[in-house]
Amino acid sequence: MKYSKATNYALHTVLYLIAIEPDKPVGVQQLADSQSVSPTYLSKILTKLVKAGLIESASGAHGGYRLRGKIDDISVLDIIHAVEGTTSLFECCGSHDSRCVIHQVMMEAEEGMEQYLRETKMIDLAKKRLEGTEIPQ
């Protein structure tokens, strides 16, 4: 399974926003610098996170992006869906019959993975990072 780099940047952006003062807006340049990515490219990703209701943008001299809503509820899956959409990872090339055993296996695997990612909250990853238990990048 492979997700786009945009998903990687989105996950790290949300993790960064949780780790610093969650209520204080952070400029796109600072967010981009934290990941060594183009601010223009990151802006497109941030727009998807705003549309999904995970973050909000604030304009003005002290504007930027900040988390929206209850940060304890943001899951890894929420971010993946915001960036990648909710389309299934697997498309059966053969019969579209619900009795296709390959389709059934792939859908069960995808459902299990989604459940795990839904239960994995970004706040818990931020806590692990602060405790120093994060896997080095």
C-alpha atoms as a PDB file:
ATOM      1  CA  MET A   1       0.000   0.000   0.000  1.00  0.00           C
ATOM      2  CA  LYS A   2       1.221   3.436  -0.809  1.00  0.00           C
ATOM      3  CA  TYR A   3      -0.070   6.855   0.080  1.00  0.00           C
ATOM      4  CA  SER A   4       1.015  10.045  -1.615  1.00  0.00           C
ATOM      5  CA  LYS A   5       3.651  12.393  -0.257  1.00  0.00           C
ATOM      6  CA  ALA A   6       0.824  14.834   0.336  1.00  0.00           C
ATOM      7  CA  THR A   7      -0.568  12.499   2.995  1.00  0.00           C
ATOM      8  CA  ASN A   8       2.851  12.308   4.624  1.00  0.00           C
ATOM      9  CA  TYR A   9       3.088  16.111   4.734  1.00  0.00           C
ATOM     10  CA  ALA A  10      -0.474  16.424   6.024  1.00  0.00           C
ATOM     11  CA  LEU A  11       0.151  13.966   8.860  1.00  0.00           C
ATOM     12  CA  HIS A  12       3.368  15.738   9.862  1.00  0.00           C
ATOM     13  CA  THR A  13       1.691  19.144   9.631  1.00  0.00           C
ATOM     14  CA  VAL A  14      -1.099  18.127  12.000  1.00  0.00           C
ATOM     15  CA  LEU A  15       1.435  16.540  14.342  1.00  0.00           C
ATOM     16  CA  TYR A  16       3.405  19.817  14.310  1.00  0.00           C
ATOM     17  CA  LEU A  17       0.272  21.864  15.021  1.00  0.00           C
ATOM     18  CA  ILE A  18      -0.589  19.621  17.970  1.00  0.00           C
ATOM     19  CA  ALA A  19       2.952  19.807  19.380  1.00  0.00           C
ATOM     20  CA  ILE A  20       3.080  23.597  19.447  1.00  0.00           C
ATOM     21  CA  GLU A  21       0.402  25.840  20.909  1.00  0.00           C
ATOM     22  CA  PRO A  22      -2.739  24.399  19.280  1.00  0.00           C
ATOM     23  CA  ASP A  23      -4.689  27.678  19.484  1.00  0.00           C
ATOM     24  CA  LYS A  24      -1.964  29.854  17.985  1.00  0.00           C
ATOM     25  CA  PRO A  25      -2.027  30.192  14.172  1.00  0.00           C
ATOM     26  CA  VAL A  26       1.156  29.097  12.404  1.00  0.00           C
ATOM     27  CA  GLY A  27       2.141  30.565   9.061  1.00  0.00           C
ATOM     28  CA  VAL A  28       2.487  28.408   5.984  1.00  0.00           C
ATOM     29  CA  GLN A  29       6.169  29.314   5.685  1.00  0.00           C
ATOM     30  CA  GLN A  30       6.916  28.002   9.179  1.00  0.00           C
ATOM     31  CA  LEU A  31       4.943  24.831   8.492  1.00  0.00           C
ATOM     32  CA  ALA A  32       6.745  24.344   5.178  1.00  0.00           C
ATOM     33  CA  ASP A  33      10.150  24.986   6.740  1.00  0.00           C
ATOM     34  CA  SER A  34       9.464  22.374   9.430  1.00  0.00           C
ATOM     35  CA  GLN A  35       9.271  19.738   6.671  1.00  0.00           C
ATOM     36  CA  SER A  36      11.562  21.243   4.037  1.00  0.00           C
ATOM     37  CA  VAL A  37       8.743  21.477   1.521  1.00  0.00           C
ATOM     38  CA  SER A  38       7.558  24.232  -0.796  1.00  0.00           C
ATOM     39  CA  PRO A  39       5.027  26.588   0.838  1.00  0.00           C
ATOM     40  CA  THR A  40       3.028  26.589  -2.404  1.00  0.00           C
ATOM     41  CA  TYR A  41       2.768  22.791  -2.392  1.00  0.00           C
ATOM     42  CA  LEU A  42       1.932  22.677   1.316  1.00  0.00           C
ATOM     43  CA  SER A  43      -0.764  25.333   0.828  1.00  0.00           C
ATOM     44  CA  LYS A  44      -2.636  22.963  -1.479  1.00  0.00           C
ATOM     45  CA  ILE A  45      -2.510  20.270   1.198  1.00  0.00           C
ATOM     46  CA  LEU A  46      -3.607  22.716   3.892  1.00  0.00           C
ATOM     47  CA  THR A  47      -6.602  23.674   1.758  1.00  0.00           C
ATOM     48  CA  LYS A  48      -7.723  20.029   1.792  1.00  0.00           C
ATOM     49  CA  LEU A  49      -7.351  19.883   5.582  1.00  0.00           C
ATOM     50  CA  VAL A  50      -9.389  23.094   5.916  1.00  0.00           C
ATOM     51  CA  LYS A  51     -12.136  21.730   3.631  1.00  0.00           C
ATOM     52  CA  ALA A  52     -12.251  18.571   5.769  1.00  0.00           C
ATOM     53  CA  GLY A  53     -12.722  20.710   8.884  1.00  0.00           C
ATOM     54  CA  LEU A  54      -9.546  19.481  10.586  1.00  0.00           C
ATOM     55  CA  ILE A  55      -7.762  22.825  10.607  1.00  0.00           C
ATOM     56  CA  GLU A  56      -8.782  26.415  10.039  1.00  0.00           C
ATOM     57  CA  SER A  57      -7.065  29.370   8.501  1.00  0.00           C
ATOM     58  CA  ALA A  58      -6.849  32.796  10.042  1.00  0.00           C
ATOM     59  CA  SER A  59      -5.996  35.796   7.912  1.00  0.00           C
ATOM     60  CA  GLY A  60      -4.192  38.937   8.909  1.00  0.00           C
ATOM     61  CA  ALA A  61      -0.806  39.881  10.329  1.00  0.00           C
ATOM     62  CA  HIS A  62      -0.950  37.132  12.942  1.00  0.00           C
ATOM     63  CA  GLY A  63      -2.759  34.680  10.715  1.00  0.00           C
ATOM     64  CA  GLY A  64      -1.925  31.172   9.676  1.00  0.00           C
ATOM     65  CA  TYR A  65      -3.304  27.735  10.336  1.00  0.00           C
ATOM     66  CA  ARG A  66      -4.433  26.099  13.552  1.00  0.00           C
ATOM     67  CA  LEU A  67      -6.304  23.022  14.586  1.00  0.00           C
ATOM     68  CA  ARG A  68     -10.060  23.163  14.527  1.00  0.00           C
ATOM     69  CA  GLY A  69     -12.338  21.483  17.008  1.00  0.00           C
ATOM     70  CA  LYS A  70     -11.333  18.927  19.596  1.00  0.00           C
ATOM     71  CA  ILE A  71      -7.789  17.766  18.894  1.00  0.00           C
ATOM     72  CA  ASP A  72      -8.300  14.521  20.817  1.00  0.00           C
ATOM     73  CA  ASP A  73     -10.680  13.336  18.091  1.00  0.00           C
ATOM     74  CA  ILE A  74      -8.428  13.718  15.030  1.00  0.00           C
ATOM     75  CA  SER A  75      -7.439  10.295  13.749  1.00  0.00           C
ATOM     76  CA  VAL A  76      -4.813   9.268  11.228  1.00  0.00           C
ATOM     77  CA  LEU A  77      -7.676   8.081   9.014  1.00  0.00           C
ATOM     78  CA  ASP A  78      -9.317  11.531   9.114  1.00  0.00           C
ATOM     79  CA  ILE A  79      -6.189  13.049   7.616  1.00  0.00           C
ATOM     80  CA  ILE A  80      -5.767  10.298   5.029  1.00  0.00           C
ATOM     81  CA  HIS A  81      -9.364  10.730   3.902  1.00  0.00           C
ATOM     82  CA  ALA A  82      -8.943  14.518   3.719  1.00  0.00           C
ATOM     83  CA  VAL A  83      -5.984  14.173   1.361  1.00  0.00           C
ATOM     84  CA  GLU A  84      -6.583  10.926  -0.520  1.00  0.00           C
ATOM     85  CA  GLY A  85     -10.368  10.720  -0.446  1.00  0.00           C
ATOM     86  CA  THR A  86     -12.382   7.701   0.576  1.00  0.00           C
ATOM     87  CA  THR A  87     -12.071   5.584  -2.548  1.00  0.00           C
ATOM     88  CA  SER A  88     -11.208   1.955  -1.928  1.00  0.00           C
ATOM     89  CA  LEU A  89      -7.574   0.965  -2.384  1.00  0.00           C
ATOM     90  CA  PHE A  90      -8.547  -2.124  -4.329  1.00  0.00           C
ATOM     91  CA  GLU A  91     -10.642  -2.437  -7.451  1.00  0.00           C
ATOM     92  CA  CYS A  92     -11.524  -5.919  -8.569  1.00  0.00           C
ATOM     93  CA  CYS A  93     -10.649  -6.257 -12.249  1.00  0.00           C
ATOM     94  CA  GLY A  94     -12.684  -9.376 -12.701  1.00  0.00           C
ATOM     95  CA  SER A  95     -16.263  -9.910 -11.763  1.00  0.00           C
ATOM     96  CA  HIS A  96     -17.938  -7.152  -9.800  1.00  0.00           C
ATOM     97  CA  ASP A  97     -19.977  -9.822  -8.143  1.00  0.00           C
ATOM     98  CA  SER A  98     -20.039  -9.524  -4.351  1.00  0.00           C
ATOM     99  CA  ARG A  99     -19.204 -13.243  -4.222  1.00  0.00           C
ATOM    100  CA  CYS A 100     -15.707 -12.668  -5.644  1.00  0.00           C
ATOM    101  CA  VAL A 101     -13.393 -14.185  -3.024  1.00  0.00           C
ATOM    102  CA  ILE A 102     -10.487 -11.900  -3.908  1.00  0.00           C
ATOM    103  CA  HIS A 103     -12.668  -8.827  -3.529  1.00  0.00           C
ATOM    104  CA  GLN A 104     -13.949 -10.098  -0.171  1.00  0.00           C
ATOM    105  CA  VAL A 105     -10.434 -10.671   1.185  1.00  0.00           C
ATOM    106  CA  MET A 106      -9.192  -7.281   0.025  1.00  0.00           C
ATOM    107  CA  MET A 107     -12.196  -5.457   1.470  1.00  0.00           C
ATOM    108  CA  GLU A 108     -11.815  -7.198   4.837  1.00  0.00           C
ATOM    109  CA  ALA A 109      -8.134  -6.261   4.932  1.00  0.00           C
ATOM    110  CA  GLU A 110      -8.916  -2.664   4.049  1.00  0.00           C
ATOM    111  CA  GLU A 111     -11.634  -2.474   6.698  1.00  0.00           C
ATOM    112  CA  GLY A 112      -9.199  -3.782   9.330  1.00  0.00           C
ATOM    113  CA  MET A 113      -6.569  -1.244   8.338  1.00  0.00           C
ATOM    114  CA  GLU A 114      -9.093   1.591   8.361  1.00  0.00           C
ATOM    115  CA  GLN A 115     -10.311   0.568  11.812  1.00  0.00           C
ATOM    116  CA  TYR A 116      -6.729   0.670  13.117  1.00  0.00           C
ATOM    117  CA  LEU A 117      -6.086   4.083  11.544  1.00  0.00           C
ATOM    118  CA  ARG A 118      -9.430   5.382  12.873  1.00  0.00           C
ATOM    119  CA  GLU A 119      -8.464   4.304  16.396  1.00  0.00           C
ATOM    120  CA  THR A 120      -4.996   5.838  16.120  1.00  0.00           C
ATOM    121  CA  LYS A 121      -5.364   9.423  17.282  1.00  0.00           C
ATOM    122  CA  MET A 122      -2.909  12.148  16.335  1.00  0.00           C
ATOM    123  CA  ILE A 123      -2.793  13.382  19.938  1.00  0.00           C
ATOM    124  CA  ASP A 124      -1.426   9.982  20.993  1.00  0.00           C
ATOM    125  CA  LEU A 125       1.280  10.177  18.312  1.00  0.00           C
ATOM    126  CA  ALA A 126       2.194  13.671  19.542  1.00  0.00           C
ATOM    127  CA  LYS A 127       2.524  12.339  23.095  1.00  0.00           C
ATOM    128  CA  LYS A 128       4.777   9.501  21.910  1.00  0.00           C
ATOM    129  CA  ARG A 129       6.899  12.010  20.044  1.00  0.00           C
ATOM    130  CA  LEU A 130       7.281  14.158  23.142  1.00  0.00           C
ATOM    131  CA  GLU A 131       8.197  11.100  25.222  1.00  0.00           C
ATOM    132  CA  GLY A 132      10.962  10.360  22.735  1.00  0.00           C
ATOM    133  CA  THR A 133       9.479   7.052  21.649  1.00  0.00           C
ATOM    134  CA  GLU A 134       9.023   8.196  18.060  1.00  0.00           C
ATOM    135  CA  ILE A 135      10.802   6.158  15.422  1.00  0.00           C
ATOM    136  CA  PRO A 136      13.592   8.350  13.978  1.00  0.00           C
ATOM    137  CA  GLN A 137      12.932   9.745  10.522  1.00  0.00           C
END
